[in-house]
Protein backbone atom coordinates (compact mmCIF):
# COMPACT_ATOMS: atom_id res chain seq x y z
CA MET A 1 -2.48 -17.14 -0.84
CA GLU A 2 -5.26 -16.50 -3.89
CA ASP A 3 -5.07 -18.58 -6.82
CA LYS A 4 -4.92 -16.36 -10.06
CA LEU A 5 -5.27 -13.22 -9.04
CA LEU A 6 -2.75 -11.55 -11.96
CA THR A 7 -2.40 -13.66 -15.50
CA SER A 8 0.57 -15.49 -15.95
CA ASN A 9 0.87 -12.20 -18.84
CA ASP A 10 0.58 -10.05 -15.71
CA LEU A 11 3.07 -11.28 -13.81
CA LYS A 12 5.89 -11.54 -17.27
CA VAL A 13 5.19 -7.76 -17.91
CA ILE A 14 5.52 -6.95 -13.79
CA ASN A 15 8.65 -8.85 -13.87
CA LYS A 16 10.08 -7.50 -16.82
CA TRP A 17 9.84 -4.21 -15.17
CA MET A 18 11.64 -4.86 -12.00
CA LYS A 19 14.22 -6.41 -14.61
CA LYS A 20 14.47 -2.88 -15.84
CA LEU A 21 14.02 -0.84 -12.39
CA LYS A 22 16.47 -3.10 -10.87
CA GLU A 23 19.16 -2.32 -13.71
CA LYS A 24 18.45 1.36 -14.06
CA TYR A 25 17.56 4.21 -12.05
CA TYR A 26 14.83 6.44 -12.71
CA ASN A 27 14.74 9.81 -12.01
CA SER A 28 11.93 10.92 -9.69
CA LYS A 29 10.14 12.72 -12.67
CA ASN A 30 9.46 10.89 -14.83
CA LYS A 31 9.68 7.34 -13.10
CA ARG A 32 6.05 6.59 -12.80
CA ASN A 33 5.45 7.31 -16.38
CA ILE A 34 8.31 4.96 -17.76
CA ALA A 35 6.23 2.27 -15.86
CA ARG A 36 2.91 3.03 -16.82
CA SER A 37 4.49 3.01 -20.26
CA GLU A 38 6.03 -0.57 -19.61
CA LEU A 39 3.60 -2.19 -18.01
CA LYS A 40 0.19 -1.33 -19.88
CA LEU A 41 -1.64 -3.63 -17.33
CA PRO A 42 -5.43 -4.48 -18.23
CA TYR A 43 -6.22 -2.82 -15.18
CA GLU A 44 -7.84 0.88 -13.99
CA GLU A 45 -5.11 3.29 -12.51
CA ILE A 46 -6.52 4.13 -9.08
CA GLY A 47 -3.58 5.82 -7.14
CA ALA A 48 0.29 6.50 -7.45
CA GLY A 49 2.84 8.01 -5.32
CA LEU A 50 5.83 8.18 -4.71
CA TYR A 51 7.19 4.93 -5.14
CA ARG A 52 3.92 3.05 -6.30
CA ILE A 53 0.93 2.64 -8.89
CA VAL A 54 -2.23 1.37 -7.67
CA PHE A 55 -4.49 -0.69 -10.27
CA ASP A 56 -7.91 -1.69 -9.14
CA LEU A 57 -8.15 -5.55 -9.73
CA LYS A 58 -11.78 -4.77 -10.32
CA ASN A 59 -12.85 -7.90 -7.54
CA GLY A 60 -12.40 -6.35 -4.23
CA PHE A 61 -8.72 -6.42 -4.50
CA VAL A 62 -5.92 -3.57 -5.71
CA LEU A 63 -2.55 -4.10 -6.96
CA LYS A 64 0.38 -1.94 -5.73
CA VAL A 65 3.54 -2.14 -8.66
CA ALA A 66 6.77 -0.65 -7.61
CA VAL A 67 8.11 2.47 -9.56
CA SER A 68 11.33 2.53 -7.48
CA LYS A 69 13.38 1.00 -5.36
CA THR A 70 11.89 1.91 -2.33
CA GLY A 71 8.16 0.68 -3.67
CA ILE A 72 9.94 -2.80 -3.82
CA LYS A 73 11.31 -2.05 -0.34
CA ASN A 74 7.87 -0.86 0.89
CA ASN A 75 5.57 -3.96 -1.04
CA LYS A 76 7.89 -6.38 0.37
CA ASN A 77 7.32 -4.28 4.05
CA GLU A 78 3.97 -4.57 4.04
CA ALA A 79 4.01 -8.39 3.02
CA GLU A 80 6.15 -9.25 6.08
CA ILE A 81 4.23 -6.44 8.60
CA TYR A 82 0.73 -7.98 7.74
CA LYS A 83 2.36 -11.27 7.95
CA LYS A 84 4.39 -10.99 11.28
CA PHE A 85 2.46 -8.16 13.04
CA LYS A 86 0.66 -10.68 15.87
CA SER A 87 -1.31 -8.29 17.38
CA SER A 88 -5.11 -7.69 17.30
CA LEU A 89 -3.96 -3.97 15.88
CA ARG A 90 -3.51 -6.04 12.38
CA SER A 91 -7.21 -5.51 12.06
CA HIS A 92 -6.86 -2.15 11.05
CA LEU A 93 -4.21 -3.01 8.51
CA ALA A 94 -5.09 -3.50 4.54
CA LYS A 95 -4.99 -7.17 4.05
CA VAL A 96 -2.63 -8.77 2.18
CA ILE A 97 -3.65 -11.64 -0.35
CA ASP A 98 -0.51 -12.30 -2.23
CA HIS A 99 2.73 -10.45 -2.91
CA GLY A 100 5.86 -11.07 -5.25
CA TYR A 101 9.28 -9.21 -6.11
CA GLY A 102 8.11 -5.90 -6.44
CA TRP A 103 4.20 -6.15 -6.29
CA ILE A 104 1.41 -7.53 -3.61
CA ILE A 105 -2.17 -7.26 -3.86
CA MET A 106 -4.62 -6.23 -0.65
CA GLU A 107 -7.65 -5.87 -0.04
CA LYS A 108 -9.58 -2.89 -1.70
CA VAL A 109 -11.33 -0.83 1.35
CA ASP A 110 -12.93 2.71 -0.68
CA GLN A 111 -14.37 4.35 1.87
CA LYS A 112 -12.79 7.66 3.05
CA VAL A 113 -12.41 8.49 6.63
CA SER A 114 -14.43 11.51 7.10
CA GLN A 115 -11.88 14.05 8.23
CA ASN A 116 -13.19 15.75 11.41
CA ASP A 117 -12.03 15.90 15.12
CA GLU A 118 -13.30 12.56 16.03
CA ASN A 119 -11.63 10.82 13.62
CA ARG A 120 -8.28 12.86 13.81
CA GLU A 121 -8.30 11.75 17.63
CA LYS A 122 -8.90 7.94 16.13
CA VAL A 123 -6.41 8.11 14.18
CA LEU A 124 -3.40 10.02 16.66
CA LYS A 125 -5.05 7.25 19.28
CA LEU A 126 -4.58 4.24 16.81
CA ARG A 127 -0.91 5.52 15.78
CA LYS A 128 0.36 5.59 19.72
CA LYS A 129 -1.23 1.76 20.35
CA PHE A 130 0.48 0.83 17.33
CA LEU A 131 3.96 2.60 18.95
CA ARG A 132 3.06 0.68 22.44
CA ARG A 133 3.11 -2.68 20.27
CA GLY A 134 6.59 -1.90 18.56
CA MET A 135 5.89 -0.46 15.45
CA ARG A 136 6.19 3.18 14.05
CA ALA A 137 3.25 4.14 12.24
CA SER A 138 5.03 6.24 9.73
CA ASP A 139 3.08 7.59 6.84
CA ILE A 140 0.04 8.00 9.16
CA ILE A 141 0.61 11.56 10.18
CA SER A 142 1.74 14.43 7.98
CA SER A 143 5.94 15.66 9.73
CA SER A 144 4.74 18.94 8.74
CA SER A 145 1.43 19.66 9.81
CA LYS A 146 0.74 16.84 12.37
CA GLU A 147 -2.36 16.19 10.98
CA PRO A 148 -3.48 12.50 9.80
CA LYS A 149 -2.63 11.34 5.91
CA TRP A 150 -6.08 11.03 5.29
CA LYS A 151 -5.41 9.41 1.31
CA ASN A 152 -3.73 6.95 3.62
CA ILE A 153 -6.64 6.07 5.76
CA ARG A 154 -10.10 4.25 5.19
CA TYR A 155 -12.99 3.08 6.77
CA ARG A 156 -14.25 -0.77 6.51
CA GLU A 157 -17.91 -0.49 7.15
CA LYS A 158 -18.32 -4.10 7.77
CA ASP A 159 -16.33 -4.25 11.08
CA ASN A 160 -16.78 -0.04 11.72
CA LEU A 161 -12.72 -0.12 11.48
CA ILE A 162 -9.97 2.59 10.71
CA ILE A 163 -7.66 0.70 8.18
CA PHE A 164 -5.06 1.76 7.16
CA ILE A 165 -4.44 1.55 3.21
CA ASP A 166 -0.14 2.22 3.04
CA TYR A 167 1.57 1.19 5.96
CA GLY A 168 4.44 -0.05 3.38
CA PRO A 169 6.75 2.89 5.39
CA PHE A 170 6.05 1.32 8.92
CA ARG A 171 9.05 0.09 11.29
CA TYR A 172 9.51 -2.19 13.78
């Protein structure tokens, strides 16, 4: 685990938000906006899904903060999977650097994967390999279109690998 990626004030703000989130249910329409107004972190928001907001720490890492109970579970799951998944396939997961209740810091992988037939096949094969290792790689393929969810997939040039940046929904 890395030291001082988040300031004590960052952690205080996140913990205050987690306490509010734990005590009160926010409906799906406004939970991200409520989280944004509560968090007011000094980092650029670079993404948001249904369950988490992603901030760029500007040091090669991203911070994912939960905006719902599912987001808390997804952050915890990503941390546990990265720590416990003993397979060469782990190299296809964005590296977890640090985590706490409701938040996680991961390596930032920027380069998008070209959406072509070759990469589609690579993603489908990777998904099958994960399954053979006992890992159901959910949220990589759209259940309706059966196409890769390209927003959750990146390319890491230094080792020429396809990387999954959102594996909170994965399950053993």
